[in-house]
Amino acid sequence: MAEAIASAFFVRSVILAAALSSRAPRANTVAQANTVAMKEISSAGNAQLKLAGKLQRRRQRQAHGLCLVEGIRLVQDALSMRAVFHSCFITAAAAGARPELVAQIEPLCPLYVVSPELLDRISETVSPQSIVAIVAIPQLPLPAAAALSLVLDGVRDPGNAGTLLRTAAAAAVDQVLFGPGCVDPFNGKVMRAAMGAHFRAPLRTLENWDALGTLLSADQSLYLASAQGDLRYDEVDWSRPSALVLGSEAHGASPQIRAAAATVAIPMAAATESLNVAAAGAAILFEAARQRRVATTA
C-alpha cells in the first residue's frame, strides 16, 4: 500500500543536488543543508496536504485556528515574529537554495518536500510559490488602553484590507478591528497584501458592533472617514485617544457607526471625488502618527 509520506528520510540526495544546481552556492550553507532531515510527500491524498487545502476556506481556518503563510518573505516574517508553526511544505529547489531557512524551520515543525505541482494545489496565489507553511492564527495581545485604533467597516476587498493592516503597523496603530461584513483578515490575499503585518499589529474580528465598545477605551473618540466629513482630517487632535473607522467604498459605513462617529474628510483638488479606502486610510493614519510623534517629543 502506497504511503502518503515516504518512510525514508532523504537529505543528501534532494537538498545537496538542489543546492549544487543553484548559481552560486556557498560551501557553508550547503553543509548546513546536508544535516537537515525532511520527509517527502508524493501523494495529493496526504492528510497534511488535505489540511492545507481546507485552510483556504474561512470556516476551516476558524475551526482549526490555523492559516496559510505563502512565500519566502512571509515565512521569514512569521519566523522572525515567533509564529507557532504547525507544518511546512517546500520544493526541493527552494530547500537547496535556502538551507538557512530550512535550518530555522526544521526544529519547529514537520517539514515536507513536495513537487511544485503539489504545492500549487495548496497555494492561493496565481504566481507559483516555493514554500507554504501552516501556522497558528496570530493572536497578539491587545493593549490595556488603546490610544489609536483602526476599525474596518465592511471592507471586503482583500488587497485593501491587507494594505490597511500593513499601513496600521507602520503607523504604530495600537489595534486593528475587522468589523462585521469585512473580509477574513487571514484570507490568503489579505495575508500577502499585509506583508507580515499580521505578526506585528494586534487584530481582532467583531461578530457584531456591540463588541466594539468592549475593545475601545472609554475615552477614545470615534471618527469616520467620509468624503463629506465635517472636519478636515488634520484638524482632529489625534494625539488624544482616538479610533478611525474606514467604511466600505461601495456601501459606506454601517448605520451604527454613522450614528456614533464624528466625520472627517481629506480635502482634494482637481474635482477628485474620493480616494481609495487604502489611500485615504494611509493619509489619515500617518497624520495621526505625525501628531503623536510631535506630542511625545514636545
Foldseek 3Di string as FASTA:
>chain_A
DDDQKDPDWDQCVLQLVLLVPDDDHDPVLSVLSSVFTAIEGEDCPDPVLVLLQVQLDPVSCVVVQKFKQFADQQLVLCLVLVFQFAEKEFASNVCNNCSVSSVSCRVRYHYYHYHQVSQVSNDPDPDGTGMMTMTGQDADDADPAFQEEEEEAQAADLLLLLLLLLLCLVLVGREYEYEPNYHDCRNHSSSVNVSSSSSRHHYDYYPHPVCVVVRHDPFEAEEEEDLPAPAALLVDQSLGRYYYYYYYPVPGGDPVSVVRHHYHYHDDDPPDRDDDSSVVSNVNSNSSSVNNVVVVVD
